[in-house]
Amino acid sequence: MKDAYKPDLALPFVIDRKEAIEIIRKNFAKKMFIPKDFCSTSSLESLQGRYVPFWMYDMETHVHFEGEGRKIRTWTEGDYDCTETSIYRLVRDFDVNYDKIPVDASKNMPDEKMDLVEPYKYTALGKFRSRYLSGFQAEIYDENKEELLPRAQKKAKKYTEGYLDEYNNSYSSVKPAIKKVDSKEMNSYYTFLPVWRYVYRYQGTNYEFFVNGQTGKAIGTPPTSKARMFSWFAAVTCSLFFLAEMILYFLEVA
């Protein structure tokens, strides 16, 4: 691997191939109306363990918020329902620092699925070792850190707005007047994170499934077999028809 594409950091695989297959079968094999061969041994041959390239960012985020908060208290006095509304001026100004916000850097891997397969246990993150690659595939990044910085900033903003909501959750309602969330990059790291990828082809369409190679979290949506669905409905309809006939027979005999 050329030094320009050699990762700074990596998380080694914890979940092996056998465990990944068991996780896929446990999470998806019992879904109704999936094709019969969805989790067959031959279909699962496409399962691959690969190190996916990520950029990870240390971010410094500044928040400035001004707005109006309302607290509403209600009670009853005799025959009257009473309401008291208290209005407060809210000012929040604080900084949040984030360590290693991950953004996948492979165009071959769907961004939304890579976001969903998170989180990893980042305390195990360490210096990349070439021995980690033994038995696994690895991609090099095809999106640089400058291109992906806006996605990291968007993640930081989402996290920060969650903190802001926690600050303001004691109010019945909050009306913002000014809300600024500004994030800047402090450091970045080219990183390999472990993912198992299973591609199932059904009626001309590829269905992708991903298993976090460290935690075992599984992501994906199986296809629906119309043949199995129609067979099930036909069986249920026949059973109901037979049951109705039996009820009518016993009513006539009685």
C-alpha atoms as a PDB file:
ATOM      1  CA  MET A   1       0.000   0.000   0.000  1.00  0.00           C
ATOM      2  CA  LYS A   2       1.430   3.357  -1.049  1.00  0.00           C
ATOM      3  CA  ASP A   3       2.279   5.692   1.819  1.00  0.00           C
ATOM      4  CA  ALA A   4      -0.124   8.338   0.465  1.00  0.00           C
ATOM      5  CA  TYR A   5      -2.980   5.882   1.004  1.00  0.00           C
ATOM      6  CA  LYS A   6      -1.697   4.246   4.158  1.00  0.00           C
ATOM      7  CA  PRO A   7      -4.179   4.853   6.996  1.00  0.00           C
ATOM      8  CA  ASP A   8      -3.187   6.684  10.147  1.00  0.00           C
ATOM      9  CA  LEU A   9      -5.560   4.646  12.311  1.00  0.00           C
ATOM     10  CA  ALA A  10      -7.562   1.429  12.162  1.00  0.00           C
ATOM     11  CA  LEU A  11      -9.990  -0.764  14.073  1.00  0.00           C
ATOM     12  CA  PRO A  12      -9.290  -4.489  13.558  1.00  0.00           C
ATOM     13  CA  PHE A  13     -12.055  -6.997  12.855  1.00  0.00           C
ATOM     14  CA  VAL A  14     -13.596  -8.617  15.920  1.00  0.00           C
ATOM     15  CA  ILE A  15     -16.465 -10.409  14.144  1.00  0.00           C
ATOM     16  CA  ASP A  16     -15.215 -13.265  11.940  1.00  0.00           C
ATOM     17  CA  ARG A  17     -16.931 -14.592   8.807  1.00  0.00           C
ATOM     18  CA  LYS A  18     -18.803 -17.380  10.613  1.00  0.00           C
ATOM     19  CA  GLU A  19     -20.166 -14.935  13.187  1.00  0.00           C
ATOM     20  CA  ALA A  20     -21.159 -12.472  10.434  1.00  0.00           C
ATOM     21  CA  ILE A  21     -23.171 -15.195   8.680  1.00  0.00           C
ATOM     22  CA  GLU A  22     -24.927 -16.091  11.938  1.00  0.00           C
ATOM     23  CA  ILE A  23     -25.745 -12.416  12.526  1.00  0.00           C
ATOM     24  CA  ILE A  24     -27.240 -12.043   9.032  1.00  0.00           C
ATOM     25  CA  ARG A  25     -29.337 -15.172   9.454  1.00  0.00           C
ATOM     26  CA  LYS A  26     -30.487 -14.127  12.920  1.00  0.00           C
ATOM     27  CA  ASN A  27     -31.499 -10.638  11.781  1.00  0.00           C
ATOM     28  CA  PHE A  28     -33.031 -11.373   8.389  1.00  0.00           C
ATOM     29  CA  ALA A  29     -33.702 -15.091   7.775  1.00  0.00           C
ATOM     30  CA  LYS A  30     -36.961 -15.121   9.750  1.00  0.00           C
ATOM     31  CA  LYS A  31     -38.509 -12.180   7.893  1.00  0.00           C
ATOM     32  CA  MET A  32     -41.775 -13.082   6.178  1.00  0.00           C
ATOM     33  CA  PHE A  33     -41.823 -13.669   2.436  1.00  0.00           C
ATOM     34  CA  ILE A  34     -38.071 -13.482   1.821  1.00  0.00           C
ATOM     35  CA  PRO A  35     -36.781 -15.606  -1.088  1.00  0.00           C
ATOM     36  CA  LYS A  36     -35.953 -19.187  -0.126  1.00  0.00           C
ATOM     37  CA  ASP A  37     -32.272 -18.909  -0.992  1.00  0.00           C
ATOM     38  CA  PHE A  38     -31.704 -15.539   0.686  1.00  0.00           C
ATOM     39  CA  CYS A  39     -29.502 -17.003   3.442  1.00  0.00           C
ATOM     40  CA  SER A  40     -28.415 -20.138   1.650  1.00  0.00           C
ATOM     41  CA  THR A  41     -24.769 -21.200   1.749  1.00  0.00           C
ATOM     42  CA  SER A  42     -24.328 -20.475  -1.969  1.00  0.00           C
ATOM     43  CA  SER A  43     -25.841 -16.980  -1.693  1.00  0.00           C
ATOM     44  CA  LEU A  44     -23.709 -16.118   1.320  1.00  0.00           C
ATOM     45  CA  GLU A  45     -20.546 -16.816  -0.650  1.00  0.00           C
ATOM     46  CA  SER A  46     -20.695 -13.160  -1.701  1.00  0.00           C
ATOM     47  CA  LEU A  47     -20.113 -12.080   1.915  1.00  0.00           C
ATOM     48  CA  GLN A  48     -16.848 -10.142   2.117  1.00  0.00           C
ATOM     49  CA  GLY A  49     -14.955  -8.560   4.980  1.00  0.00           C
ATOM     50  CA  ARG A  50     -13.414  -5.262   4.003  1.00  0.00           C
ATOM     51  CA  TYR A  51     -11.777  -2.287   5.580  1.00  0.00           C
ATOM     52  CA  VAL A  52     -13.721   0.791   4.547  1.00  0.00           C
ATOM     53  CA  PRO A  53     -11.805   4.081   4.317  1.00  0.00           C
ATOM     54  CA  PHE A  54     -13.038   6.873   6.584  1.00  0.00           C
ATOM     55  CA  TRP A  55     -11.902  10.353   7.387  1.00  0.00           C
ATOM     56  CA  MET A  56     -12.223  11.159  11.062  1.00  0.00           C
ATOM     57  CA  TYR A  57     -12.278  14.749  12.235  1.00  0.00           C
ATOM     58  CA  ASP A  58     -11.565  16.512  15.491  1.00  0.00           C
ATOM     59  CA  MET A  59     -14.018  19.405  15.485  1.00  0.00           C
ATOM     60  CA  GLU A  60     -14.418  22.542  17.568  1.00  0.00           C
ATOM     61  CA  THR A  61     -17.990  23.829  17.525  1.00  0.00           C
ATOM     62  CA  HIS A  62     -19.255  27.180  18.804  1.00  0.00           C
ATOM     63  CA  VAL A  63     -22.943  27.730  19.514  1.00  0.00           C
ATOM     64  CA  HIS A  64     -24.775  31.000  19.980  1.00  0.00           C
ATOM     65  CA  PHE A  65     -28.500  30.873  20.645  1.00  0.00           C
ATOM     66  CA  GLU A  66     -31.009  33.558  21.556  1.00  0.00           C
ATOM     67  CA  GLY A  67     -34.723  33.051  21.829  1.00  0.00           C
ATOM     68  CA  GLU A  68     -37.862  32.990  23.918  1.00  0.00           C
ATOM     69  CA  GLY A  69     -38.857  30.211  26.279  1.00  0.00           C
ATOM     70  CA  ARG A  70     -42.298  29.712  27.766  1.00  0.00           C
ATOM     71  CA  LYS A  71     -43.389  27.788  30.832  1.00  0.00           C
ATOM     72  CA  ILE A  72     -47.086  27.100  31.200  1.00  0.00           C
ATOM     73  CA  ARG A  73     -48.749  26.160  34.492  1.00  0.00           C
ATOM     74  CA  THR A  74     -52.406  25.157  34.757  1.00  0.00           C
ATOM     75  CA  TRP A  75     -54.641  24.577  37.786  1.00  0.00           C
ATOM     76  CA  THR A  76     -58.262  24.676  38.885  1.00  0.00           C
ATOM     77  CA  GLU A  77     -59.836  27.104  41.340  1.00  0.00           C
ATOM     78  CA  GLY A  78     -63.468  26.313  42.057  1.00  0.00           C
ATOM     79  CA  ASP A  79     -65.309  26.359  38.744  1.00  0.00           C
ATOM     80  CA  TYR A  80     -62.421  28.014  36.897  1.00  0.00           C
ATOM     81  CA  ASP A  81     -59.549  26.556  34.905  1.00  0.00           C
ATOM     82  CA  CYS A  82     -56.533  28.799  35.329  1.00  0.00           C
ATOM     83  CA  THR A  83     -53.433  29.130  33.133  1.00  0.00           C
ATOM     84  CA  GLU A  84     -50.237  30.997  33.915  1.00  0.00           C
ATOM     85  CA  THR A  85     -47.685  31.635  31.156  1.00  0.00           C
ATOM     86  CA  SER A  86     -44.174  32.758  32.083  1.00  0.00           C
ATOM     87  CA  ILE A  87     -41.939  34.108  29.331  1.00  0.00           C
ATOM     88  CA  TYR A  88     -38.130  34.005  29.538  1.00  0.00           C
ATOM     89  CA  ARG A  89     -35.375  35.415  27.379  1.00  0.00           C
ATOM     90  CA  LEU A  90     -32.902  32.664  26.573  1.00  0.00           C
ATOM     91  CA  VAL A  91     -29.221  33.158  25.735  1.00  0.00           C
ATOM     92  CA  ARG A  92     -26.922  30.180  25.234  1.00  0.00           C
ATOM     93  CA  ASP A  93     -23.291  30.572  24.235  1.00  0.00           C
ATOM     94  CA  PHE A  94     -20.965  27.596  24.528  1.00  0.00           C
ATOM     95  CA  ASP A  95     -18.307  25.485  22.831  1.00  0.00           C
ATOM     96  CA  VAL A  96     -18.297  21.753  22.167  1.00  0.00           C
ATOM     97  CA  ASN A  97     -15.237  19.756  21.111  1.00  0.00           C
ATOM     98  CA  TYR A  98     -15.631  16.478  19.217  1.00  0.00           C
ATOM     99  CA  ASP A  99     -12.973  13.828  18.786  1.00  0.00           C
ATOM    100  CA  LYS A 100     -12.864  11.800  15.565  1.00  0.00           C
ATOM    101  CA  ILE A 101     -16.231  12.278  13.891  1.00  0.00           C
ATOM    102  CA  PRO A 102     -16.283   9.535  11.189  1.00  0.00           C
ATOM    103  CA  VAL A 103     -17.266  10.042   7.542  1.00  0.00           C
ATOM    104  CA  ASP A 104     -16.836   7.229   5.015  1.00  0.00           C
ATOM    105  CA  ALA A 105     -14.583   8.058   2.078  1.00  0.00           C
ATOM    106  CA  SER A 106     -15.615   5.338  -0.406  1.00  0.00           C
ATOM    107  CA  LYS A 107     -17.998   6.065  -3.268  1.00  0.00           C
ATOM    108  CA  ASN A 108     -18.696   2.321  -3.483  1.00  0.00           C
ATOM    109  CA  MET A 109     -20.257   2.270  -0.019  1.00  0.00           C
ATOM    110  CA  PRO A 110     -23.619   4.026   0.476  1.00  0.00           C
ATOM    111  CA  ASP A 111     -23.198   6.941   2.877  1.00  0.00           C
ATOM    112  CA  GLU A 112     -26.511   6.435   4.662  1.00  0.00           C
ATOM    113  CA  LYS A 113     -25.729   2.748   5.341  1.00  0.00           C
ATOM    114  CA  MET A 114     -22.251   3.559   6.630  1.00  0.00           C
ATOM    115  CA  ASP A 115     -23.811   6.103   8.985  1.00  0.00           C
ATOM    116  CA  LEU A 116     -26.321   3.504  10.198  1.00  0.00           C
ATOM    117  CA  VAL A 117     -23.706   0.809  10.787  1.00  0.00           C
ATOM    118  CA  GLU A 118     -22.096   3.127  13.363  1.00  0.00           C
ATOM    119  CA  PRO A 119     -21.214   3.500  16.156  1.00  0.00           C
ATOM    120  CA  TYR A 120     -17.972   1.634  16.707  1.00  0.00           C
ATOM    121  CA  LYS A 121     -16.184   1.324  20.028  1.00  0.00           C
ATOM    122  CA  TYR A 122     -13.595   3.944  19.265  1.00  0.00           C
ATOM    123  CA  THR A 123     -11.574   3.323  22.420  1.00  0.00           C
ATOM    124  CA  ALA A 124     -10.074   0.372  20.511  1.00  0.00           C
ATOM    125  CA  LEU A 125      -8.915   2.655  17.700  1.00  0.00           C
ATOM    126  CA  GLY A 126      -5.154   2.480  17.232  1.00  0.00           C
ATOM    127  CA  LYS A 127      -2.291   2.820  14.810  1.00  0.00           C
ATOM    128  CA  PHE A 128      -2.767   0.944  11.529  1.00  0.00           C
ATOM    129  CA  ARG A 129      -0.903  -2.376  11.261  1.00  0.00           C
ATOM    130  CA  SER A 130      -0.441  -4.118   7.919  1.00  0.00           C
ATOM    131  CA  ARG A 131      -1.227  -7.473   9.535  1.00  0.00           C
ATOM    132  CA  TYR A 132      -4.841  -6.314   9.948  1.00  0.00           C
ATOM    133  CA  LEU A 133      -5.316  -6.800   6.184  1.00  0.00           C
ATOM    134  CA  SER A 134      -4.655 -10.550   6.262  1.00  0.00           C
ATOM    135  CA  GLY A 135      -7.760 -12.313   4.931  1.00  0.00           C
ATOM    136  CA  PHE A 136      -9.651  -9.096   4.231  1.00  0.00           C
ATOM    137  CA  GLN A 137     -10.090  -6.663   1.386  1.00  0.00           C
ATOM    138  CA  ALA A 138      -9.266  -2.981   1.736  1.00  0.00           C
ATOM    139  CA  GLU A 139     -10.273   0.065  -0.267  1.00  0.00           C
ATOM    140  CA  ILE A 140      -8.373   3.288  -0.661  1.00  0.00           C
ATOM    141  CA  TYR A 141     -10.260   6.523  -0.283  1.00  0.00           C
ATOM    142  CA  ASP A 142     -11.684   8.148  -3.401  1.00  0.00           C
ATOM    143  CA  GLU A 143     -13.024  11.229  -1.599  1.00  0.00           C
ATOM    144  CA  ASN A 144     -10.520  13.498   0.094  1.00  0.00           C
ATOM    145  CA  LYS A 145     -10.855  15.122   3.483  1.00  0.00           C
ATOM    146  CA  GLU A 146     -11.671  18.570   2.050  1.00  0.00           C
ATOM    147  CA  GLU A 147     -14.612  17.141   0.091  1.00  0.00           C
ATOM    148  CA  LEU A 148     -16.016  15.346   3.121  1.00  0.00           C
ATOM    149  CA  LEU A 149     -15.521  18.090   5.694  1.00  0.00           C
ATOM    150  CA  PRO A 150     -19.074  19.485   5.156  1.00  0.00           C
ATOM    151  CA  ARG A 151     -20.518  16.082   6.086  1.00  0.00           C
ATOM    152  CA  ALA A 152     -18.493  16.060   9.299  1.00  0.00           C
ATOM    153  CA  GLN A 153     -19.671  19.591  10.060  1.00  0.00           C
ATOM    154  CA  LYS A 154     -23.261  18.504   9.450  1.00  0.00           C
ATOM    155  CA  LYS A 155     -22.828  15.651  11.937  1.00  0.00           C
ATOM    156  CA  ALA A 156     -21.292  18.017  14.491  1.00  0.00           C
ATOM    157  CA  LYS A 157     -24.223  20.390  14.036  1.00  0.00           C
ATOM    158  CA  LYS A 158     -26.721  17.572  14.591  1.00  0.00           C
ATOM    159  CA  TYR A 159     -24.977  16.457  17.784  1.00  0.00           C
ATOM    160  CA  THR A 160     -24.719  20.046  19.032  1.00  0.00           C
ATOM    161  CA  GLU A 161     -28.380  20.796  18.400  1.00  0.00           C
ATOM    162  CA  GLY A 162     -29.151  17.766  20.547  1.00  0.00           C
ATOM    163  CA  TYR A 163     -27.180  19.341  23.415  1.00  0.00           C
ATOM    164  CA  LEU A 164     -28.984  22.623  22.842  1.00  0.00           C
ATOM    165  CA  ASP A 165     -32.348  20.867  23.042  1.00  0.00           C
ATOM    166  CA  GLU A 166     -31.296  19.346  26.365  1.00  0.00           C
ATOM    167  CA  TYR A 167     -30.475  22.809  27.703  1.00  0.00           C
ATOM    168  CA  ASN A 168     -33.921  24.062  26.685  1.00  0.00           C
ATOM    169  CA  ASN A 169     -36.086  21.051  27.519  1.00  0.00           C
ATOM    170  CA  SER A 170     -37.363  22.526  30.806  1.00  0.00           C
ATOM    171  CA  TYR A 171     -39.567  24.933  28.835  1.00  0.00           C
ATOM    172  CA  SER A 172     -43.017  24.148  27.445  1.00  0.00           C
ATOM    173  CA  SER A 173     -42.009  25.764  24.154  1.00  0.00           C
ATOM    174  CA  VAL A 174     -38.975  27.530  22.725  1.00  0.00           C
ATOM    175  CA  LYS A 175     -39.003  30.081  19.919  1.00  0.00           C
ATOM    176  CA  PRO A 176     -35.516  30.740  18.482  1.00  0.00           C
ATOM    177  CA  ALA A 177     -34.531  34.192  17.259  1.00  0.00           C
ATOM    178  CA  ILE A 178     -30.826  33.537  16.588  1.00  0.00           C
ATOM    179  CA  LYS A 179     -29.194  30.131  16.267  1.00  0.00           C
ATOM    180  CA  LYS A 180     -25.646  29.845  14.986  1.00  0.00           C
ATOM    181  CA  VAL A 181     -23.658  26.622  15.007  1.00  0.00           C
ATOM    182  CA  ASP A 182     -20.156  26.973  13.564  1.00  0.00           C
ATOM    183  CA  SER A 183     -17.705  24.060  13.391  1.00  0.00           C
ATOM    184  CA  LYS A 184     -14.099  24.064  12.334  1.00  0.00           C
ATOM    185  CA  GLU A 185     -11.665  21.224  11.764  1.00  0.00           C
ATOM    186  CA  MET A 186      -8.830  20.876  14.244  1.00  0.00           C
ATOM    187  CA  ASN A 187      -7.325  17.575  13.038  1.00  0.00           C
ATOM    188  CA  SER A 188      -8.163  14.800  10.578  1.00  0.00           C
ATOM    189  CA  TYR A 189      -7.161  11.138  10.358  1.00  0.00           C
ATOM    190  CA  TYR A 190      -7.323   8.658   7.510  1.00  0.00           C
ATOM    191  CA  THR A 191      -8.826   5.529   9.070  1.00  0.00           C
ATOM    192  CA  PHE A 192      -9.844   1.955   8.222  1.00  0.00           C
ATOM    193  CA  LEU A 193     -13.039   0.645   9.856  1.00  0.00           C
ATOM    194  CA  PRO A 194     -14.179  -3.020   9.545  1.00  0.00           C
ATOM    195  CA  VAL A 195     -17.386  -3.911   7.672  1.00  0.00           C
ATOM    196  CA  TRP A 196     -18.847  -7.191   6.403  1.00  0.00           C
ATOM    197  CA  ARG A 197     -20.771  -6.708   3.141  1.00  0.00           C
ATOM    198  CA  TYR A 198     -23.295  -9.164   1.698  1.00  0.00           C
ATOM    199  CA  VAL A 199     -24.803  -8.562  -1.753  1.00  0.00           C
ATOM    200  CA  TYR A 200     -27.906 -10.581  -2.636  1.00  0.00           C
ATOM    201  CA  ARG A 201     -29.141 -10.362  -6.220  1.00  0.00           C
ATOM    202  CA  TYR A 202     -32.864 -10.913  -6.734  1.00  0.00           C
ATOM    203  CA  GLN A 203     -34.812 -10.411  -9.949  1.00  0.00           C
ATOM    204  CA  GLY A 204     -32.162  -8.141 -11.453  1.00  0.00           C
ATOM    205  CA  THR A 205     -31.686  -5.953  -8.341  1.00  0.00           C
ATOM    206  CA  ASN A 206     -28.807  -6.004  -5.850  1.00  0.00           C
ATOM    207  CA  TYR A 207     -29.738  -5.866  -2.165  1.00  0.00           C
ATOM    208  CA  GLU A 208     -26.879  -4.866   0.122  1.00  0.00           C
ATOM    209  CA  PHE A 209     -26.442  -5.848   3.762  1.00  0.00           C
ATOM    210  CA  PHE A 210     -23.750  -4.660   6.136  1.00  0.00           C
ATOM    211  CA  VAL A 211     -22.478  -5.942   9.474  1.00  0.00           C
ATOM    212  CA  ASN A 212     -20.270  -3.820  11.710  1.00  0.00           C
ATOM    213  CA  GLY A 213     -17.070  -5.867  11.896  1.00  0.00           C
ATOM    214  CA  GLN A 214     -16.468  -4.859  15.497  1.00  0.00           C
ATOM    215  CA  THR A 215     -19.888  -4.661  17.194  1.00  0.00           C
ATOM    216  CA  GLY A 216     -22.010  -6.945  14.978  1.00  0.00           C
ATOM    217  CA  LYS A 217     -24.678  -4.332  14.239  1.00  0.00           C
ATOM    218  CA  ALA A 218     -26.546  -5.387  11.057  1.00  0.00           C
ATOM    219  CA  ILE A 219     -28.134  -3.118   8.420  1.00  0.00           C
ATOM    220  CA  GLY A 220     -30.246  -3.994   5.361  1.00  0.00           C
ATOM    221  CA  THR A 221     -33.724  -4.648   3.957  1.00  0.00           C
ATOM    222  CA  PRO A 222     -34.457  -8.047   2.356  1.00  0.00           C
ATOM    223  CA  PRO A 223     -36.533  -8.311  -0.834  1.00  0.00           C
ATOM    224  CA  THR A 224     -40.072  -9.696  -0.817  1.00  0.00           C
ATOM    225  CA  SER A 225     -40.825 -12.869  -2.744  1.00  0.00           C
ATOM    226  CA  LYS A 226     -44.232 -12.359  -4.362  1.00  0.00           C
ATOM    227  CA  ALA A 227     -44.487 -16.087  -5.039  1.00  0.00           C
ATOM    228  CA  ARG A 228     -44.082 -16.919  -1.330  1.00  0.00           C
ATOM    229  CA  MET A 229     -46.460 -14.113  -0.354  1.00  0.00           C
ATOM    230  CA  PHE A 230     -49.180 -15.323  -2.755  1.00  0.00           C
ATOM    231  CA  SER A 231     -48.677 -18.926  -1.587  1.00  0.00           C
ATOM    232  CA  TRP A 232     -49.154 -17.836   2.014  1.00  0.00           C
ATOM    233  CA  PHE A 233     -52.313 -15.875   1.249  1.00  0.00           C
ATOM    234  CA  ALA A 234     -53.655 -18.762  -0.804  1.00  0.00           C
ATOM    235  CA  ALA A 235     -53.032 -21.191   2.060  1.00  0.00           C
ATOM    236  CA  VAL A 236     -54.717 -18.871   4.566  1.00  0.00           C
ATOM    237  CA  THR A 237     -57.707 -18.354   2.234  1.00  0.00           C
ATOM    238  CA  CYS A 238     -58.101 -22.117   1.743  1.00  0.00           C
ATOM    239  CA  SER A 239     -57.904 -22.685   5.489  1.00  0.00           C
ATOM    240  CA  LEU A 240     -60.552 -20.069   6.172  1.00  0.00           C
ATOM    241  CA  PHE A 241     -62.792 -21.495   3.438  1.00  0.00           C
ATOM    242  CA  PHE A 242     -62.413 -25.003   4.888  1.00  0.00           C
ATOM    243  CA  LEU A 243     -63.162 -23.719   8.383  1.00  0.00           C
ATOM    244  CA  ALA A 244     -66.293 -21.921   7.147  1.00  0.00           C
ATOM    245  CA  GLU A 245     -67.483 -25.105   5.416  1.00  0.00           C
ATOM    246  CA  MET A 246     -66.969 -27.115   8.586  1.00  0.00           C
ATOM    247  CA  ILE A 247     -68.909 -24.592  10.665  1.00  0.00           C
ATOM    248  CA  LEU A 248     -71.812 -24.670   8.180  1.00  0.00           C
ATOM    249  CA  TYR A 249     -71.764 -28.477   8.182  1.00  0.00           C
ATOM    250  CA  PHE A 250     -71.969 -28.711  11.974  1.00  0.00           C
ATOM    251  CA  LEU A 251     -74.712 -26.066  12.076  1.00  0.00           C
ATOM    252  CA  GLU A 252     -76.756 -28.076   9.545  1.00  0.00           C
ATOM    253  CA  VAL A 253     -76.240 -31.304  11.494  1.00  0.00           C
ATOM    254  CA  ALA A 254     -77.257 -29.617  14.698  1.00  0.00           C
END
